Amino acid sequence: MTVLVLTRPQDATADLVIAELNERSVPVCRLDPGDFPEALTMAARIGPGRTPWEGVLHGQHRDVSLGDIRSVYYRRPAAFRLHPDMSEQDARWAQAEAQAGFGGLLYSLPCLWVNHPHRNALAAWPPVALATAARGGLSVPLSLITNDPGEAREFVSALPGQVAAYKAIGTTHPSDHDDRPQALWTTQVRPGEIGESVRRTAHQFQEWVDKAYEVRLTAIAHSLFAAEIHAGSDASRLDFRADYDSLTYKPCQVPEHIAQGVHALTFTFGLRYVALDFLVNPQGRWYLIDVNPNGQWGFIPDLRAPITRALADLLERANP
């Protein structure tokens, strides 16, 4: 029985788990769905006496039978790479057919997923994630999502110090130079800085929480791994992703009420893995600010090995 890892060619996070599974002599097949249809082929059948789908995925370096897949680690697969000679209209059609056919075939696999793409997609939407977290008892910052600049200015004006955190609702933005996505860091915003361009799409504003430090909490099944993140520069105090070199880490305990809220959140979304970011104020109150069902963990040295082992355990046992 094989662990199927779906990710792009360069993925240091997936490499950690694959190395651990290889060390345990667990069969692993790594494929990038982005190779479909040009360098990855499939053939699967279903019908009377054939349940579920039976067939084989033929990759550039490895083949795997659908019936041999015990679990799927869905990391960061690339988008389908279609033939460059296709017209724009044909490419849109082929993209939709690839998603429905190849994607649908994969998503139908009756095995353990970490995590199933549909569950990832729902949990990755901040409005859904924050509402679910709040219902589960976790504290979230006072937040506004709007495309009305007047509402945004009024919201920020009512906050202490008249300052808010502006955060992208998604995770990336097209680059000015090419089509590759780029991260948008958290920034401070004041009422006078909010212009009419807010009308052009949805925007997210949150109260500015004065933090003593941040916590990255990783949940794998019922196990929790947490570390304090202490900023060492102005940029990382605004958003720790902006300056990893300045950060220091310290493993920490998770308060019981936070653990209960996290378990409620993972149960609601049906997630077996999730990375959560909290701000902790000087009074010790934890505020959930981000839910990332596919977040990384390798950047925290003391937790790298324990998290890798826990993920490998989950994929190897493949208990639903």
Protein backbone atom coordinates (compact mmCIF):
# COMPACT_ATOMS: atom_id res chain seq x y z
CA MET A 1 0.00 0.00 0.00
CA THR A 2 1.37 3.37 -1.10
CA VAL A 3 1.30 6.90 0.28
CA LEU A 4 0.55 9.26 -2.62
CA VAL A 5 2.16 12.71 -2.24
CA LEU A 6 0.69 15.39 -4.49
CA THR A 7 2.94 18.42 -4.75
CA ARG A 8 5.14 20.43 -7.09
CA PRO A 9 8.77 19.42 -7.78
CA GLN A 10 10.35 21.85 -5.31
CA ASP A 11 8.67 21.43 -1.92
CA ALA A 12 11.02 21.21 1.08
CA THR A 13 8.09 20.57 3.43
CA ALA A 14 6.93 17.50 1.51
CA ASP A 15 10.56 16.36 1.28
CA LEU A 16 10.71 16.06 5.09
CA VAL A 17 7.71 13.72 5.20
CA ILE A 18 8.85 11.66 2.21
CA ALA A 19 12.28 11.18 3.79
CA GLU A 20 10.67 10.00 7.03
CA LEU A 21 8.40 7.54 5.19
CA ASN A 22 11.35 6.25 3.17
CA GLU A 23 13.26 5.71 6.42
CA ARG A 24 10.35 3.54 7.59
CA SER A 25 10.31 1.62 4.27
CA VAL A 26 6.78 2.85 3.55
CA PRO A 27 6.12 2.92 -0.23
CA VAL A 28 5.72 6.50 -1.48
CA CYS A 29 4.73 7.83 -4.88
CA ARG A 30 5.25 11.53 -5.49
CA LEU A 31 3.32 13.10 -8.36
CA ASP A 32 2.59 16.66 -9.43
CA PRO A 33 -0.94 17.05 -10.84
CA GLY A 34 0.51 20.00 -12.78
CA ASP A 35 2.16 17.41 -15.05
CA PHE A 36 -1.29 16.41 -16.33
CA PRO A 37 -2.02 16.03 -19.20
CA GLU A 38 1.32 16.51 -20.96
CA ALA A 39 3.60 14.37 -18.75
CA LEU A 40 1.13 12.49 -16.55
CA THR A 41 -1.45 10.09 -17.95
CA MET A 42 -4.31 8.20 -16.40
CA ALA A 43 -6.72 5.43 -17.29
CA ALA A 44 -9.47 4.37 -14.88
CA ARG A 45 -12.67 2.36 -15.17
CA ILE A 46 -15.79 1.89 -13.10
CA GLY A 47 -18.91 -0.16 -13.66
CA PRO A 48 -20.64 -3.38 -12.60
CA GLY A 49 -18.19 -5.32 -10.46
CA ARG A 50 -15.74 -2.40 -10.44
CA THR A 51 -16.17 -0.26 -7.36
CA PRO A 52 -14.49 2.11 -6.77
CA TRP A 53 -12.50 3.36 -9.77
CA GLU A 54 -9.79 0.96 -10.95
CA GLY A 55 -6.80 2.17 -12.92
CA VAL A 56 -3.26 3.52 -12.95
CA LEU A 57 -1.61 6.93 -12.84
CA HIS A 58 1.49 7.00 -15.05
CA GLY A 59 3.95 9.68 -13.94
CA GLN A 60 7.32 10.68 -15.41
CA HIS A 61 9.21 8.54 -12.91
CA ARG A 62 6.63 6.45 -11.03
CA ASP A 63 3.34 4.67 -11.68
CA VAL A 64 0.75 3.95 -9.02
CA SER A 65 -2.38 1.82 -9.06
CA LEU A 66 -5.42 3.57 -7.64
CA GLY A 67 -6.24 0.50 -5.58
CA ASP A 68 -2.82 0.57 -3.89
CA ILE A 69 -3.19 4.09 -2.45
CA ARG A 70 -3.57 3.95 1.34
CA SER A 71 -3.40 7.72 1.98
CA VAL A 72 -2.89 11.01 0.14
CA TYR A 73 -0.73 13.90 1.32
CA TYR A 74 -2.10 16.89 -0.59
CA ARG A 75 0.57 19.55 -0.29
CA ARG A 76 1.04 22.16 -2.99
CA PRO A 77 0.40 20.74 -6.46
CA ALA A 78 0.93 23.01 -9.42
CA ALA A 79 -1.84 24.04 -11.79
CA PHE A 80 -2.43 21.90 -14.87
CA ARG A 81 0.11 22.70 -17.59
CA LEU A 82 -1.71 22.55 -20.90
CA HIS A 83 -0.24 22.35 -24.38
CA PRO A 84 1.08 25.81 -25.37
CA ASP A 85 -0.42 25.62 -28.87
CA MET A 86 -3.99 25.54 -27.56
CA SER A 87 -6.16 28.60 -28.15
CA GLU A 88 -7.33 30.53 -25.11
CA GLN A 89 -10.87 29.20 -25.55
CA ASP A 90 -9.68 25.60 -25.90
CA ALA A 91 -7.34 25.99 -22.92
CA ARG A 92 -10.23 27.13 -20.71
CA TRP A 93 -12.25 24.09 -21.78
CA ALA A 94 -9.30 21.72 -21.29
CA GLN A 95 -8.60 23.18 -17.86
CA ALA A 96 -12.19 22.58 -16.76
CA GLU A 97 -12.18 19.06 -18.19
CA ALA A 98 -8.87 18.25 -16.47
CA GLN A 99 -10.19 19.47 -13.14
CA ALA A 100 -13.42 17.52 -13.47
CA GLY A 101 -11.81 14.37 -14.88
CA PHE A 102 -8.36 14.03 -13.36
CA GLY A 103 -9.19 16.02 -10.22
CA GLY A 104 -12.51 14.26 -9.79
CA LEU A 105 -10.86 10.86 -10.12
CA LEU A 106 -8.34 11.68 -7.41
CA TYR A 107 -10.92 13.23 -5.11
CA SER A 108 -13.02 10.07 -5.30
CA LEU A 109 -10.28 7.91 -3.75
CA PRO A 110 -11.75 6.20 -0.66
CA CYS A 111 -8.69 6.70 1.53
CA LEU A 112 -7.30 9.04 4.17
CA TRP A 113 -6.55 12.57 2.90
CA VAL A 114 -4.28 15.11 4.58
CA ASN A 115 -6.28 17.10 3.71
CA HIS A 116 -8.98 16.62 1.10
CA PRO A 117 -8.80 19.66 -1.27
CA HIS A 118 -12.47 20.54 -0.75
CA ARG A 119 -11.96 20.74 3.02
CA ASN A 120 -8.81 22.80 2.53
CA ALA A 121 -10.61 25.23 0.26
CA LEU A 122 -13.40 25.93 2.73
CA ALA A 123 -11.10 26.34 5.75
CA ALA A 124 -8.79 28.66 3.79
CA TRP A 125 -11.51 31.33 3.40
CA PRO A 126 -11.00 33.76 6.31
CA PRO A 127 -14.71 34.68 6.70
CA VAL A 128 -15.60 31.01 7.13
CA ALA A 129 -12.55 30.20 9.26
CA LEU A 130 -12.98 33.12 11.67
CA ALA A 131 -16.69 32.47 12.14
CA THR A 132 -16.04 28.78 12.79
CA ALA A 133 -13.25 29.59 15.25
CA ALA A 134 -15.44 32.06 17.14
CA ARG A 135 -18.27 29.53 17.40
CA GLY A 136 -15.77 27.05 18.81
CA GLY A 137 -14.77 29.41 21.62
CA LEU A 138 -11.59 30.94 20.20
CA SER A 139 -11.06 34.70 20.40
CA VAL A 140 -10.70 36.53 17.09
CA PRO A 141 -9.89 40.21 16.57
CA LEU A 142 -12.73 42.63 15.85
CA SER A 143 -12.90 42.41 12.06
CA LEU A 144 -14.59 44.05 9.09
CA ILE A 145 -14.88 42.80 5.51
CA THR A 146 -16.19 45.43 3.14
CA ASN A 147 -15.89 47.15 -0.21
CA ASP A 148 -17.33 50.40 1.20
CA PRO A 149 -14.55 52.92 1.98
CA GLY A 150 -16.88 54.88 4.26
CA GLU A 151 -17.59 51.79 6.35
CA ALA A 152 -13.86 51.04 6.48
CA ARG A 153 -12.95 54.55 7.64
CA GLU A 154 -15.70 54.49 10.27
CA PHE A 155 -14.53 51.09 11.53
CA VAL A 156 -10.89 52.13 11.84
CA SER A 157 -11.80 55.48 13.43
CA ALA A 158 -13.59 53.66 16.25
CA LEU A 159 -10.57 51.47 17.11
CA PRO A 160 -8.06 52.34 19.85
CA GLY A 161 -5.44 54.63 18.36
CA GLN A 162 -7.46 54.75 15.13
CA VAL A 163 -5.26 52.09 13.60
CA ALA A 164 -6.17 48.72 12.06
CA ALA A 165 -4.42 45.78 10.51
CA TYR A 166 -5.08 45.42 6.79
CA LYS A 167 -4.80 41.83 5.61
CA ALA A 168 -5.43 40.21 2.26
CA ILE A 169 -8.41 37.87 2.37
CA GLY A 170 -6.58 35.55 0.01
CA THR A 171 -2.89 34.74 0.32
CA THR A 172 -1.21 36.01 -2.82
CA HIS A 173 -1.34 38.78 -5.41
CA PRO A 174 -0.09 38.74 -9.01
CA SER A 175 3.40 40.18 -9.38
CA ASP A 176 3.91 43.47 -11.21
CA HIS A 177 6.53 41.79 -13.39
CA ASP A 178 5.10 38.35 -14.20
CA ASP A 179 2.20 36.03 -13.38
CA ARG A 180 3.85 34.44 -10.34
CA PRO A 181 1.95 35.10 -7.09
CA GLN A 182 3.52 37.18 -4.35
CA ALA A 183 2.61 37.43 -0.68
CA LEU A 184 0.86 40.49 0.71
CA TRP A 185 2.13 41.26 4.20
CA THR A 186 -0.02 42.62 7.01
CA THR A 187 0.15 46.42 7.21
CA GLN A 188 -1.14 49.13 9.52
CA VAL A 189 -3.77 51.47 8.13
CA ARG A 190 -5.40 54.67 9.41
CA PRO A 191 -8.68 56.30 8.35
CA GLY A 192 -7.05 58.90 6.12
CA GLU A 193 -5.20 56.23 4.18
CA ILE A 194 -8.37 54.45 3.05
CA GLY A 195 -9.25 55.56 -0.47
CA GLU A 196 -12.03 54.99 -2.97
CA SER A 197 -10.18 52.04 -4.51
CA VAL A 198 -11.61 49.95 -1.66
CA ARG A 199 -14.79 49.78 -3.78
CA ARG A 200 -13.07 47.61 -6.37
CA THR A 201 -13.02 44.40 -4.34
CA ALA A 202 -13.47 42.97 -0.84
CA HIS A 203 -11.04 44.12 1.86
CA GLN A 204 -10.38 42.88 5.39
CA PHE A 205 -9.63 45.17 8.32
CA GLN A 206 -8.98 44.03 11.89
CA GLU A 207 -8.37 45.73 15.19
CA TRP A 208 -4.66 46.11 15.87
CA VAL A 209 -3.70 43.73 18.68
CA ASP A 210 -0.61 44.77 20.64
CA LYS A 211 1.24 41.48 20.89
CA ALA A 212 3.82 40.16 23.30
CA TYR A 213 4.56 37.43 20.76
CA GLU A 214 2.87 35.17 18.22
CA VAL A 215 2.22 31.45 18.36
CA ARG A 216 2.28 29.01 15.46
CA LEU A 217 0.12 26.06 16.48
CA THR A 218 0.10 22.96 14.31
CA ALA A 219 -2.65 20.37 14.78
CA ILE A 220 -2.20 16.84 13.43
CA ALA A 221 -5.16 14.59 14.20
CA HIS A 222 -5.50 14.98 17.99
CA SER A 223 -1.92 16.14 18.63
CA LEU A 224 -0.99 19.82 19.04
CA PHE A 225 2.46 21.35 18.53
CA ALA A 226 3.00 25.00 19.43
CA ALA A 227 5.86 27.48 19.53
CA GLU A 228 6.15 31.13 20.49
CA ILE A 229 7.45 33.35 17.70
CA HIS A 230 9.34 36.42 18.88
CA ALA A 231 9.92 39.18 16.35
CA GLY A 232 13.35 40.76 16.06
CA SER A 233 12.68 43.52 13.52
CA ASP A 234 10.07 46.14 12.70
CA ALA A 235 8.99 44.20 9.62
CA SER A 236 8.48 40.93 11.52
CA ARG A 237 6.56 42.72 14.27
CA LEU A 238 4.00 43.65 11.62
CA ASP A 239 4.05 40.24 9.90
CA PHE A 240 6.54 37.56 10.89
CA ARG A 241 6.60 36.17 7.33
CA ALA A 242 8.31 39.36 6.17
CA ASP A 243 11.60 38.65 8.00
CA TYR A 244 12.17 35.04 9.04
CA ASP A 245 15.86 35.70 9.76
CA SER A 246 14.97 37.97 12.69
CA LEU A 247 12.71 35.46 14.45
CA THR A 248 13.39 33.36 17.53
CA TYR A 249 11.25 30.42 18.62
CA LYS A 250 10.32 28.74 21.88
CA PRO A 251 8.10 25.64 22.16
CA CYS A 252 5.16 26.33 24.45
CA GLN A 253 2.16 24.70 26.08
CA VAL A 254 -1.34 25.20 24.71
CA PRO A 255 -3.93 26.42 27.25
CA GLU A 256 -6.77 23.95 27.68
CA HIS A 257 -9.48 26.31 26.40
CA ILE A 258 -7.41 27.00 23.27
CA ALA A 259 -6.90 23.26 22.70
CA GLN A 260 -10.65 22.70 22.98
CA GLY A 261 -11.35 25.46 20.46
CA VAL A 262 -8.77 24.09 18.03
CA HIS A 263 -10.21 20.57 18.23
CA ALA A 264 -13.69 22.00 17.59
CA LEU A 265 -12.39 23.84 14.53
CA THR A 266 -10.61 20.82 13.03
CA PHE A 267 -13.66 18.63 13.67
CA THR A 268 -16.01 21.12 12.01
CA PHE A 269 -13.86 21.38 8.88
CA GLY A 270 -12.85 17.71 8.87
CA LEU A 271 -9.15 18.60 8.85
CA ARG A 272 -6.44 16.16 9.87
CA TYR A 273 -3.76 18.85 9.57
CA VAL A 274 -3.89 22.60 10.06
CA ALA A 275 -1.50 25.43 10.95
CA LEU A 276 -2.94 28.24 13.06
CA ASP A 277 -1.46 31.63 13.90
CA PHE A 278 -2.29 33.40 17.15
CA LEU A 279 -1.38 36.81 18.55
CA VAL A 280 -0.82 36.77 22.33
CA ASN A 281 -1.24 40.12 24.06
CA PRO A 282 0.71 41.22 27.16
CA GLN A 283 -2.17 39.95 29.34
CA GLY A 284 -1.81 36.45 27.87
CA ARG A 285 -4.98 36.41 25.75
CA TRP A 286 -4.72 34.41 22.53
CA TYR A 287 -6.31 35.84 19.35
CA LEU A 288 -6.63 33.59 16.30
CA ILE A 289 -5.70 35.51 13.17
CA ASP A 290 -4.98 32.90 10.49
CA VAL A 291 -6.12 29.39 9.58
CA ASN A 292 -3.90 27.66 7.03
CA PRO A 293 -4.91 24.05 6.30
CA ASN A 294 -1.71 23.57 4.29
CA GLY A 295 0.75 25.67 6.27
CA GLN A 296 4.45 24.94 6.64
CA TRP A 297 6.22 23.92 9.84
CA GLY A 298 9.86 23.29 8.92
CA PHE A 299 10.95 26.82 9.86
CA ILE A 300 10.56 26.08 13.61
CA PRO A 301 13.67 24.02 14.47
CA ASP A 302 12.49 22.35 17.69
CA LEU A 303 9.19 21.21 16.16
CA ARG A 304 10.45 20.10 12.76
CA ALA A 305 11.16 16.48 13.69
CA PRO A 306 8.13 15.91 15.98
CA ILE A 307 5.70 17.28 13.38
CA THR A 308 7.34 15.31 10.57
CA ARG A 309 7.01 12.10 12.60
CA ALA A 310 3.39 12.82 13.50
CA LEU A 311 2.47 13.39 9.84
CA ALA A 312 4.29 10.25 8.78
CA ASP A 313 2.48 8.30 11.51
CA LEU A 314 -0.87 9.54 10.25
CA LEU A 315 -0.14 8.75 6.60
CA GLU A 316 1.35 5.36 7.41
CA ARG A 317 -1.51 4.19 9.66
CA ALA A 318 -4.13 5.71 7.33
CA ASN A 319 -6.85 5.55 9.98
CA PRO A 320 -9.87 7.59 8.83
